[in-house]
Amino acid sequence: FGMYALEDQRGLLRLAIEKRRKHLPALYSFHKLEEGYRWGRKLMHQFAIEENLLFFTGNGSLSISNQEQQTHNEKMESAIRFLKENFPTLIICQPGEDEKGNAVEVCYLLRNGSFAGMGVQKAGKSVSLKNIDKIITPSNDNEYIKTMLLRFAELHSEMVLTYY
């Protein structure tokens, strides 16, 4: 599932949580629909967004002044900016073997919530944000890989280095 920021017919910015759309980049991806709504509600409380104007499923007030619309959209823009700025940077390393049978670590990088690439290094070497770019082969962001890595990170936190 993905979280999308869309404008309704009245020009109000709202969130939609729905199945991933192929040609529309999501603000954030989730494994479960409930996770998306939970994140939306966190943003609602943090930025004092009116509940019935937050999601596309809400009816919203039928009569809203231009000032209220502008205030709402400013809050939504702040929430979206906050969400984008606070995406995690994760390095996930797991043991493996190279083609000669030598022990290696396969490392994946999510930078600011986007898949940045993967690489291989000798087992036992230290990995950090300072040296990760030396081993990572850069890649374009890939929603499927990103979603899989975030899910893997939830299940195997012992293999994750997290930076914010």
N, C-alpha and C. Protein backbone atom coordinates (compact mmCIF):
# COMPACT_ATOMS: atom_id res chain seq x y z
N PHE A 1 0.84 -1.18 0.00
CA PHE A 1 0.00 0.00 0.00
C PHE A 1 0.88 1.23 0.00
N GLY A 2 0.33 2.34 -0.47
CA GLY A 2 1.07 3.59 -0.49
C GLY A 2 0.24 4.72 0.07
N MET A 3 0.95 5.74 0.55
CA MET A 3 0.31 6.97 1.01
C MET A 3 0.55 8.02 -0.07
N TYR A 4 -0.53 8.63 -0.54
CA TYR A 4 -0.47 9.63 -1.59
C TYR A 4 -1.07 10.93 -1.11
N ALA A 5 -0.49 12.04 -1.53
CA ALA A 5 -1.07 13.36 -1.26
C ALA A 5 -1.76 13.80 -2.55
N LEU A 6 -3.05 14.04 -2.45
CA LEU A 6 -3.84 14.43 -3.61
C LEU A 6 -4.71 15.63 -3.26
N GLU A 7 -5.11 16.34 -4.28
CA GLU A 7 -5.97 17.51 -4.08
C GLU A 7 -7.39 17.13 -4.49
N ASP A 8 -8.35 17.46 -3.61
CA ASP A 8 -9.75 17.14 -3.95
C ASP A 8 -10.35 18.24 -4.84
N GLN A 9 -11.62 18.10 -5.14
CA GLN A 9 -12.30 19.04 -6.06
C GLN A 9 -12.32 20.47 -5.54
N ARG A 10 -12.23 20.61 -4.23
CA ARG A 10 -12.27 21.96 -3.64
C ARG A 10 -10.88 22.56 -3.46
N GLY A 11 -9.84 21.81 -3.87
CA GLY A 11 -8.47 22.30 -3.73
C GLY A 11 -7.84 21.99 -2.39
N LEU A 12 -8.45 21.08 -1.62
CA LEU A 12 -7.91 20.68 -0.32
C LEU A 12 -6.92 19.54 -0.50
N LEU A 13 -5.73 19.69 0.08
CA LEU A 13 -4.77 18.59 0.08
C LEU A 13 -5.24 17.53 1.07
N ARG A 14 -5.26 16.28 0.63
CA ARG A 14 -5.69 15.19 1.49
C ARG A 14 -4.81 13.98 1.23
N LEU A 15 -4.87 13.04 2.14
CA LEU A 15 -4.11 11.81 2.00
C LEU A 15 -5.02 10.69 1.50
N ALA A 16 -4.46 9.85 0.68
CA ALA A 16 -5.13 8.62 0.25
C ALA A 16 -4.20 7.47 0.59
N ILE A 17 -4.75 6.45 1.22
CA ILE A 17 -4.01 5.22 1.52
C ILE A 17 -4.67 4.13 0.70
N GLU A 18 -3.91 3.59 -0.25
CA GLU A 18 -4.50 2.58 -1.13
C GLU A 18 -3.41 1.72 -1.73
N LYS A 19 -3.83 0.72 -2.51
CA LYS A 19 -2.86 -0.14 -3.17
C LYS A 19 -1.93 0.71 -4.01
N ARG A 20 -0.68 0.26 -4.07
CA ARG A 20 0.34 1.00 -4.81
C ARG A 20 -0.09 1.24 -6.26
N ARG A 21 0.17 2.43 -6.73
CA ARG A 21 -0.11 2.79 -8.12
C ARG A 21 1.20 2.72 -8.90
N LYS A 22 1.15 2.13 -10.06
CA LYS A 22 2.36 1.88 -10.83
C LYS A 22 3.07 3.16 -11.26
N HIS A 23 2.35 4.16 -11.68
CA HIS A 23 2.98 5.35 -12.25
C HIS A 23 2.84 6.59 -11.36
N LEU A 24 2.52 6.40 -10.09
CA LEU A 24 2.41 7.52 -9.18
C LEU A 24 3.27 7.23 -7.95
N PRO A 25 4.32 8.02 -7.74
CA PRO A 25 5.19 7.74 -6.58
C PRO A 25 4.46 8.00 -5.27
N ALA A 26 4.59 7.07 -4.36
CA ALA A 26 3.97 7.20 -3.05
C ALA A 26 4.85 8.04 -2.13
N LEU A 27 4.22 8.75 -1.20
CA LEU A 27 4.98 9.44 -0.16
C LEU A 27 5.70 8.41 0.70
N TYR A 28 5.02 7.31 0.95
CA TYR A 28 5.59 6.25 1.76
C TYR A 28 4.85 4.96 1.44
N SER A 29 5.53 3.84 1.62
CA SER A 29 4.93 2.53 1.35
C SER A 29 4.73 1.77 2.64
N PHE A 30 3.69 0.94 2.66
CA PHE A 30 3.34 0.17 3.84
C PHE A 30 3.01 -1.26 3.44
N HIS A 31 3.27 -2.17 4.36
CA HIS A 31 2.93 -3.56 4.10
C HIS A 31 1.44 -3.80 4.33
N LYS A 32 0.87 -3.08 5.31
CA LYS A 32 -0.54 -3.25 5.65
C LYS A 32 -1.27 -1.91 5.56
N LEU A 33 -2.51 -1.96 5.14
CA LEU A 33 -3.34 -0.77 5.02
C LEU A 33 -3.42 -0.01 6.35
N GLU A 34 -3.54 -0.73 7.45
CA GLU A 34 -3.66 -0.11 8.77
C GLU A 34 -2.45 0.74 9.11
N GLU A 35 -1.25 0.33 8.66
CA GLU A 35 -0.04 1.10 8.93
C GLU A 35 -0.14 2.49 8.31
N GLY A 36 -0.67 2.56 7.10
CA GLY A 36 -0.83 3.84 6.43
C GLY A 36 -1.76 4.77 7.18
N TYR A 37 -2.88 4.23 7.64
CA TYR A 37 -3.82 5.05 8.40
C TYR A 37 -3.23 5.47 9.74
N ARG A 38 -2.44 4.59 10.35
CA ARG A 38 -1.80 4.92 11.62
C ARG A 38 -0.82 6.09 11.42
N TRP A 39 -0.02 6.06 10.35
CA TRP A 39 0.90 7.16 10.05
C TRP A 39 0.13 8.44 9.77
N GLY A 40 -0.97 8.35 9.03
CA GLY A 40 -1.78 9.52 8.75
C GLY A 40 -2.30 10.17 10.02
N ARG A 41 -2.79 9.32 10.95
CA ARG A 41 -3.30 9.86 12.22
C ARG A 41 -2.19 10.50 13.05
N LYS A 42 -0.97 9.94 13.00
CA LYS A 42 0.16 10.56 13.70
C LYS A 42 0.42 11.96 13.15
N LEU A 43 0.40 12.07 11.83
CA LEU A 43 0.59 13.39 11.21
C LEU A 43 -0.54 14.33 11.60
N MET A 44 -1.76 13.81 11.65
CA MET A 44 -2.92 14.62 12.01
C MET A 44 -2.73 15.24 13.39
N HIS A 45 -2.31 14.43 14.36
CA HIS A 45 -2.12 14.94 15.72
C HIS A 45 -0.94 15.90 15.80
N GLN A 46 0.15 15.55 15.14
CA GLN A 46 1.36 16.36 15.22
C GLN A 46 1.17 17.74 14.58
N PHE A 47 0.38 17.81 13.52
CA PHE A 47 0.24 19.06 12.79
C PHE A 47 -1.15 19.69 12.95
N ALA A 48 -1.94 19.18 13.90
CA ALA A 48 -3.26 19.72 14.21
C ALA A 48 -4.14 19.85 12.96
N ILE A 49 -4.18 18.76 12.20
CA ILE A 49 -5.00 18.71 10.99
C ILE A 49 -6.38 18.22 11.37
N GLU A 50 -7.40 18.87 10.86
CA GLU A 50 -8.77 18.47 11.15
C GLU A 50 -9.03 17.05 10.61
N GLU A 51 -9.53 16.19 11.47
CA GLU A 51 -9.67 14.77 11.12
C GLU A 51 -10.52 14.54 9.87
N ASN A 52 -11.63 15.25 9.74
CA ASN A 52 -12.50 15.00 8.58
C ASN A 52 -11.94 15.59 7.28
N LEU A 53 -10.80 16.28 7.35
CA LEU A 53 -10.15 16.80 6.14
C LEU A 53 -8.85 16.06 5.82
N LEU A 54 -8.48 15.10 6.64
CA LEU A 54 -7.19 14.42 6.47
C LEU A 54 -7.19 13.44 5.29
N PHE A 55 -8.11 12.49 5.31
CA PHE A 55 -8.13 11.44 4.29
C PHE A 55 -9.22 11.72 3.26
N PHE A 56 -9.05 11.16 2.10
CA PHE A 56 -10.07 11.27 1.06
C PHE A 56 -11.37 10.61 1.47
N THR A 57 -11.31 9.69 2.41
CA THR A 57 -12.52 9.02 2.87
C THR A 57 -13.37 9.92 3.75
N GLY A 58 -12.77 10.98 4.30
CA GLY A 58 -13.53 11.90 5.14
C GLY A 58 -14.38 12.82 4.29
N ASN A 59 -15.55 13.18 4.79
CA ASN A 59 -16.45 14.06 4.05
C ASN A 59 -15.96 15.49 4.01
N GLY A 60 -15.38 15.93 5.09
CA GLY A 60 -14.96 17.32 5.15
C GLY A 60 -16.16 18.23 5.29
N SER A 61 -15.91 19.43 5.69
CA SER A 61 -16.97 20.41 5.84
C SER A 61 -17.45 20.85 4.46
N LEU A 62 -18.76 20.92 4.27
CA LEU A 62 -19.29 21.34 2.98
C LEU A 62 -18.99 22.81 2.72
N SER A 63 -18.98 23.60 3.76
CA SER A 63 -18.66 25.01 3.58
C SER A 63 -17.36 25.30 4.34
N ILE A 64 -16.35 25.66 3.60
CA ILE A 64 -15.06 25.97 4.19
C ILE A 64 -14.57 27.26 3.55
N SER A 65 -14.11 28.16 4.37
CA SER A 65 -13.68 29.46 3.85
C SER A 65 -12.33 29.32 3.15
N ASN A 66 -12.02 30.32 2.33
CA ASN A 66 -10.72 30.34 1.65
C ASN A 66 -9.58 30.33 2.66
N GLN A 67 -9.74 31.06 3.78
CA GLN A 67 -8.72 31.10 4.81
C GLN A 67 -8.54 29.73 5.45
N GLU A 68 -9.66 29.03 5.74
CA GLU A 68 -9.57 27.69 6.33
C GLU A 68 -8.91 26.71 5.35
N GLN A 69 -9.22 26.85 4.08
CA GLN A 69 -8.60 25.99 3.06
C GLN A 69 -7.09 26.23 3.01
N GLN A 70 -6.70 27.49 3.01
CA GLN A 70 -5.29 27.83 2.96
C GLN A 70 -4.56 27.31 4.20
N THR A 71 -5.17 27.49 5.37
CA THR A 71 -4.57 27.01 6.62
C THR A 71 -4.43 25.49 6.59
N HIS A 72 -5.47 24.81 6.15
CA HIS A 72 -5.42 23.35 6.06
C HIS A 72 -4.30 22.91 5.12
N ASN A 73 -4.23 23.50 3.93
CA ASN A 73 -3.21 23.11 2.96
C ASN A 73 -1.80 23.38 3.47
N GLU A 74 -1.62 24.47 4.21
CA GLU A 74 -0.31 24.76 4.80
C GLU A 74 0.08 23.69 5.81
N LYS A 75 -0.88 23.26 6.63
CA LYS A 75 -0.61 22.19 7.60
C LYS A 75 -0.27 20.89 6.88
N MET A 76 -1.02 20.57 5.83
CA MET A 76 -0.75 19.35 5.07
C MET A 76 0.62 19.40 4.41
N GLU A 77 0.98 20.55 3.84
CA GLU A 77 2.30 20.69 3.21
C GLU A 77 3.41 20.52 4.24
N SER A 78 3.21 21.06 5.43
CA SER A 78 4.19 20.89 6.51
C SER A 78 4.31 19.42 6.90
N ALA A 79 3.18 18.74 7.00
CA ALA A 79 3.19 17.32 7.37
C ALA A 79 3.89 16.48 6.30
N ILE A 80 3.61 16.77 5.04
CA ILE A 80 4.24 16.04 3.93
C ILE A 80 5.74 16.29 3.91
N ARG A 81 6.13 17.53 4.09
CA ARG A 81 7.56 17.89 4.13
C ARG A 81 8.24 17.17 5.30
N PHE A 82 7.60 17.16 6.46
CA PHE A 82 8.15 16.46 7.63
C PHE A 82 8.33 14.98 7.32
N LEU A 83 7.32 14.38 6.73
CA LEU A 83 7.39 12.96 6.40
C LEU A 83 8.56 12.68 5.46
N LYS A 84 8.71 13.48 4.42
CA LYS A 84 9.79 13.28 3.46
C LYS A 84 11.17 13.49 4.09
N GLU A 85 11.28 14.49 4.96
CA GLU A 85 12.57 14.80 5.58
C GLU A 85 12.96 13.78 6.64
N ASN A 86 12.01 13.02 7.14
CA ASN A 86 12.30 12.10 8.23
C ASN A 86 12.24 10.63 7.82
N PHE A 87 12.32 10.37 6.51
CA PHE A 87 12.41 8.99 6.08
C PHE A 87 13.72 8.42 6.60
N PRO A 88 13.72 7.19 7.03
CA PRO A 88 14.95 6.62 7.59
C PRO A 88 15.98 6.28 6.52
N THR A 89 17.23 6.29 6.93
CA THR A 89 18.31 5.73 6.14
C THR A 89 18.70 4.43 6.81
N LEU A 90 18.61 3.34 6.06
CA LEU A 90 18.89 2.01 6.59
C LEU A 90 19.98 1.34 5.77
N ILE A 91 20.88 0.66 6.47
CA ILE A 91 21.82 -0.25 5.83
C ILE A 91 21.49 -1.63 6.37
N ILE A 92 21.18 -2.54 5.47
CA ILE A 92 20.85 -3.91 5.86
C ILE A 92 21.95 -4.80 5.30
N CYS A 93 22.62 -5.54 6.18
CA CYS A 93 23.67 -6.46 5.75
C CYS A 93 23.34 -7.86 6.22
N GLN A 94 23.51 -8.81 5.33
CA GLN A 94 23.25 -10.19 5.69
C GLN A 94 24.39 -11.06 5.16
N PRO A 95 24.70 -12.13 5.86
CA PRO A 95 25.81 -12.99 5.44
C PRO A 95 25.48 -13.73 4.14
N GLY A 96 26.52 -13.98 3.38
CA GLY A 96 26.38 -14.73 2.14
C GLY A 96 27.73 -15.27 1.70
N GLU A 97 27.78 -15.76 0.48
CA GLU A 97 29.01 -16.29 -0.09
C GLU A 97 29.18 -15.74 -1.50
N ASP A 98 30.44 -15.49 -1.88
CA ASP A 98 30.68 -15.08 -3.26
C ASP A 98 30.78 -16.32 -4.14
N GLU A 99 31.07 -16.12 -5.43
CA GLU A 99 31.09 -17.24 -6.37
C GLU A 99 32.20 -18.26 -6.06
N LYS A 100 33.21 -17.87 -5.25
CA LYS A 100 34.30 -18.79 -4.87
C LYS A 100 34.05 -19.45 -3.52
N GLY A 101 32.93 -19.14 -2.89
CA GLY A 101 32.60 -19.73 -1.60
C GLY A 101 33.14 -18.96 -0.42
N ASN A 102 33.71 -17.78 -0.66
CA ASN A 102 34.23 -16.96 0.44
C ASN A 102 33.07 -16.26 1.16
N ALA A 103 33.22 -16.11 2.47
CA ALA A 103 32.18 -15.43 3.27
C ALA A 103 32.17 -13.93 2.94
N VAL A 104 30.99 -13.44 2.67
CA VAL A 104 30.80 -12.01 2.36
C VAL A 104 29.56 -11.52 3.09
N GLU A 105 29.38 -10.22 3.05
CA GLU A 105 28.13 -9.61 3.50
C GLU A 105 27.51 -8.91 2.32
N VAL A 106 26.22 -9.17 2.10
CA VAL A 106 25.46 -8.48 1.07
C VAL A 106 24.75 -7.32 1.76
N CYS A 107 25.02 -6.11 1.28
CA CYS A 107 24.47 -4.92 1.94
C CYS A 107 23.54 -4.17 0.99
N TYR A 108 22.45 -3.69 1.55
CA TYR A 108 21.44 -2.92 0.82
C TYR A 108 21.33 -1.56 1.50
N LEU A 109 21.12 -0.53 0.71
CA LEU A 109 21.02 0.81 1.26
C LEU A 109 19.70 1.46 0.89
N LEU A 110 18.96 1.88 1.91
CA LEU A 110 17.80 2.75 1.75
C LEU A 110 18.25 4.11 2.26
N ARG A 111 18.30 5.11 1.40
CA ARG A 111 18.73 6.45 1.80
C ARG A 111 17.52 7.37 1.77
N ASN A 112 17.21 7.92 2.94
CA ASN A 112 16.05 8.81 3.09
C ASN A 112 14.78 8.17 2.53
N GLY A 113 14.60 6.89 2.83
CA GLY A 113 13.40 6.18 2.45
C GLY A 113 13.36 5.67 1.02
N SER A 114 14.44 5.86 0.25
CA SER A 114 14.48 5.39 -1.13
C SER A 114 15.57 4.35 -1.31
N PHE A 115 15.29 3.33 -2.09
CA PHE A 115 16.30 2.32 -2.39
C PHE A 115 17.42 2.98 -3.18
N ALA A 116 18.66 2.86 -2.67
CA ALA A 116 19.80 3.52 -3.31
C ALA A 116 20.75 2.55 -3.99
N GLY A 117 20.71 1.27 -3.59
CA GLY A 117 21.60 0.30 -4.24
C GLY A 117 21.98 -0.81 -3.29
N MET A 118 22.85 -1.69 -3.81
CA MET A 118 23.33 -2.82 -3.01
C MET A 118 24.76 -3.13 -3.40
N GLY A 119 25.44 -3.89 -2.54
CA GLY A 119 26.82 -4.26 -2.81
C GLY A 119 27.26 -5.39 -1.91
N VAL A 120 28.48 -5.85 -2.15
CA VAL A 120 29.04 -6.98 -1.42
C VAL A 120 30.40 -6.56 -0.86
N GLN A 121 30.68 -6.99 0.36
CA GLN A 121 31.99 -6.76 0.96
C GLN A 121 32.42 -8.00 1.72
N LYS A 122 33.71 -8.08 2.06
CA LYS A 122 34.22 -9.22 2.82
C LYS A 122 33.53 -9.26 4.18
N ALA A 123 33.27 -10.46 4.64
CA ALA A 123 32.61 -10.62 5.95
C ALA A 123 33.50 -10.06 7.05
N GLY A 124 32.88 -9.48 8.05
CA GLY A 124 33.59 -8.98 9.21
C GLY A 124 34.05 -7.54 9.11
N LYS A 125 33.94 -6.93 7.94
CA LYS A 125 34.32 -5.52 7.80
C LYS A 125 33.20 -4.64 8.35
N SER A 126 33.58 -3.52 8.90
CA SER A 126 32.62 -2.59 9.47
C SER A 126 31.93 -1.79 8.36
N VAL A 127 30.63 -1.59 8.53
CA VAL A 127 29.85 -0.83 7.56
C VAL A 127 29.28 0.39 8.27
N SER A 128 29.40 1.55 7.62
CA SER A 128 28.82 2.78 8.15
C SER A 128 28.42 3.66 6.98
N LEU A 129 27.77 4.77 7.29
CA LEU A 129 27.39 5.71 6.23
C LEU A 129 28.63 6.28 5.54
N LYS A 130 29.76 6.35 6.26
CA LYS A 130 30.99 6.91 5.68
C LYS A 130 31.57 6.01 4.60
N ASN A 131 31.46 4.69 4.78
CA ASN A 131 32.08 3.80 3.79
C ASN A 131 31.09 3.03 2.92
N ILE A 132 29.81 3.20 3.13
CA ILE A 132 28.83 2.41 2.39
C ILE A 132 28.86 2.72 0.90
N ASP A 133 29.13 3.97 0.53
CA ASP A 133 29.14 4.32 -0.89
C ASP A 133 30.29 3.65 -1.65
N LYS A 134 31.32 3.18 -0.94
CA LYS A 134 32.44 2.49 -1.58
C LYS A 134 32.06 1.09 -2.04
N ILE A 135 31.06 0.49 -1.38
CA ILE A 135 30.70 -0.88 -1.74
C ILE A 135 29.37 -0.98 -2.48
N ILE A 136 28.56 0.07 -2.40
CA ILE A 136 27.23 0.03 -3.01
C ILE A 136 27.29 0.37 -4.50
N THR A 137 26.64 -0.43 -5.30
CA THR A 137 26.40 -0.09 -6.70
C THR A 137 25.09 0.69 -6.73
N PRO A 138 25.17 1.97 -7.12
CA PRO A 138 23.94 2.79 -7.11
C PRO A 138 22.85 2.22 -8.00
N SER A 139 21.63 2.45 -7.58
CA SER A 139 20.47 1.97 -8.33
C SER A 139 19.37 3.02 -8.25
N ASN A 140 18.50 3.02 -9.25
CA ASN A 140 17.32 3.86 -9.18
C ASN A 140 16.38 3.32 -8.12
N ASP A 141 15.62 4.21 -7.51
CA ASP A 141 14.65 3.78 -6.50
C ASP A 141 13.70 2.77 -7.12
N ASN A 142 13.37 1.76 -6.33
CA ASN A 142 12.49 0.70 -6.79
C ASN A 142 11.50 0.41 -5.67
N GLU A 143 10.23 0.70 -5.90
CA GLU A 143 9.22 0.56 -4.85
C GLU A 143 9.11 -0.87 -4.34
N TYR A 144 9.19 -1.84 -5.23
CA TYR A 144 9.07 -3.24 -4.82
C TYR A 144 10.23 -3.63 -3.90
N ILE A 145 11.46 -3.29 -4.31
CA ILE A 145 12.62 -3.62 -3.48
C ILE A 145 12.55 -2.88 -2.16
N LYS A 146 12.17 -1.60 -2.21
CA LYS A 146 12.06 -0.81 -0.98
C LYS A 146 11.08 -1.44 0.00
N THR A 147 9.93 -1.83 -0.50
CA THR A 147 8.92 -2.45 0.35
C THR A 147 9.43 -3.75 0.95
N MET A 148 10.10 -4.55 0.13
CA MET A 148 10.65 -5.82 0.62
C MET A 148 11.72 -5.58 1.69
N LEU A 149 12.59 -4.59 1.48
CA LEU A 149 13.64 -4.31 2.46
C LEU A 149 13.07 -3.77 3.76
N LEU A 150 12.05 -2.92 3.68
CA LEU A 150 11.43 -2.42 4.91
C LEU A 150 10.77 -3.55 5.68
N ARG A 151 10.13 -4.45 4.97
CA ARG A 151 9.51 -5.61 5.62
C ARG A 151 10.58 -6.50 6.24
N PHE A 152 11.67 -6.73 5.52
CA PHE A 152 12.79 -7.53 6.04
C PHE A 152 13.36 -6.87 7.29
N ALA A 153 13.51 -5.54 7.26
CA ALA A 153 14.05 -4.81 8.41
C ALA A 153 13.17 -4.98 9.64
N GLU A 154 11.85 -5.02 9.45
CA GLU A 154 10.92 -5.23 10.58
C GLU A 154 11.15 -6.60 11.21
N LEU A 155 11.40 -7.60 10.37
CA LEU A 155 11.53 -8.98 10.85
C LEU A 155 12.92 -9.33 11.34
N HIS A 156 13.95 -8.63 10.87
CA HIS A 156 15.34 -8.97 11.18
C HIS A 156 16.11 -7.73 11.61
N SER A 157 15.69 -7.12 12.69
CA SER A 157 16.31 -5.87 13.14
C SER A 157 17.78 -6.04 13.49
N GLU A 158 18.22 -7.26 13.79
CA GLU A 158 19.62 -7.49 14.12
C GLU A 158 20.55 -7.27 12.92
N MET A 159 20.02 -7.22 11.72
CA MET A 159 20.82 -7.02 10.51
C MET A 159 20.74 -5.58 9.99
N VAL A 160 20.15 -4.69 10.78
CA VAL A 160 19.87 -3.33 10.30
C VAL A 160 20.67 -2.30 11.08
N LEU A 161 21.33 -1.42 10.33
CA LEU A 161 21.92 -0.22 10.91
C LEU A 161 21.01 0.92 10.49
N THR A 162 20.53 1.71 11.43
CA THR A 162 19.58 2.78 11.13
C THR A 162 20.22 4.12 11.41
N TYR A 163 20.05 5.04 10.49
CA TYR A 163 20.53 6.40 10.64
C TYR A 163 19.37 7.34 10.31
N TYR A 164 19.30 8.48 10.97
CA TYR A 164 18.25 9.45 10.67
C TYR A 164 18.87 10.78 10.31
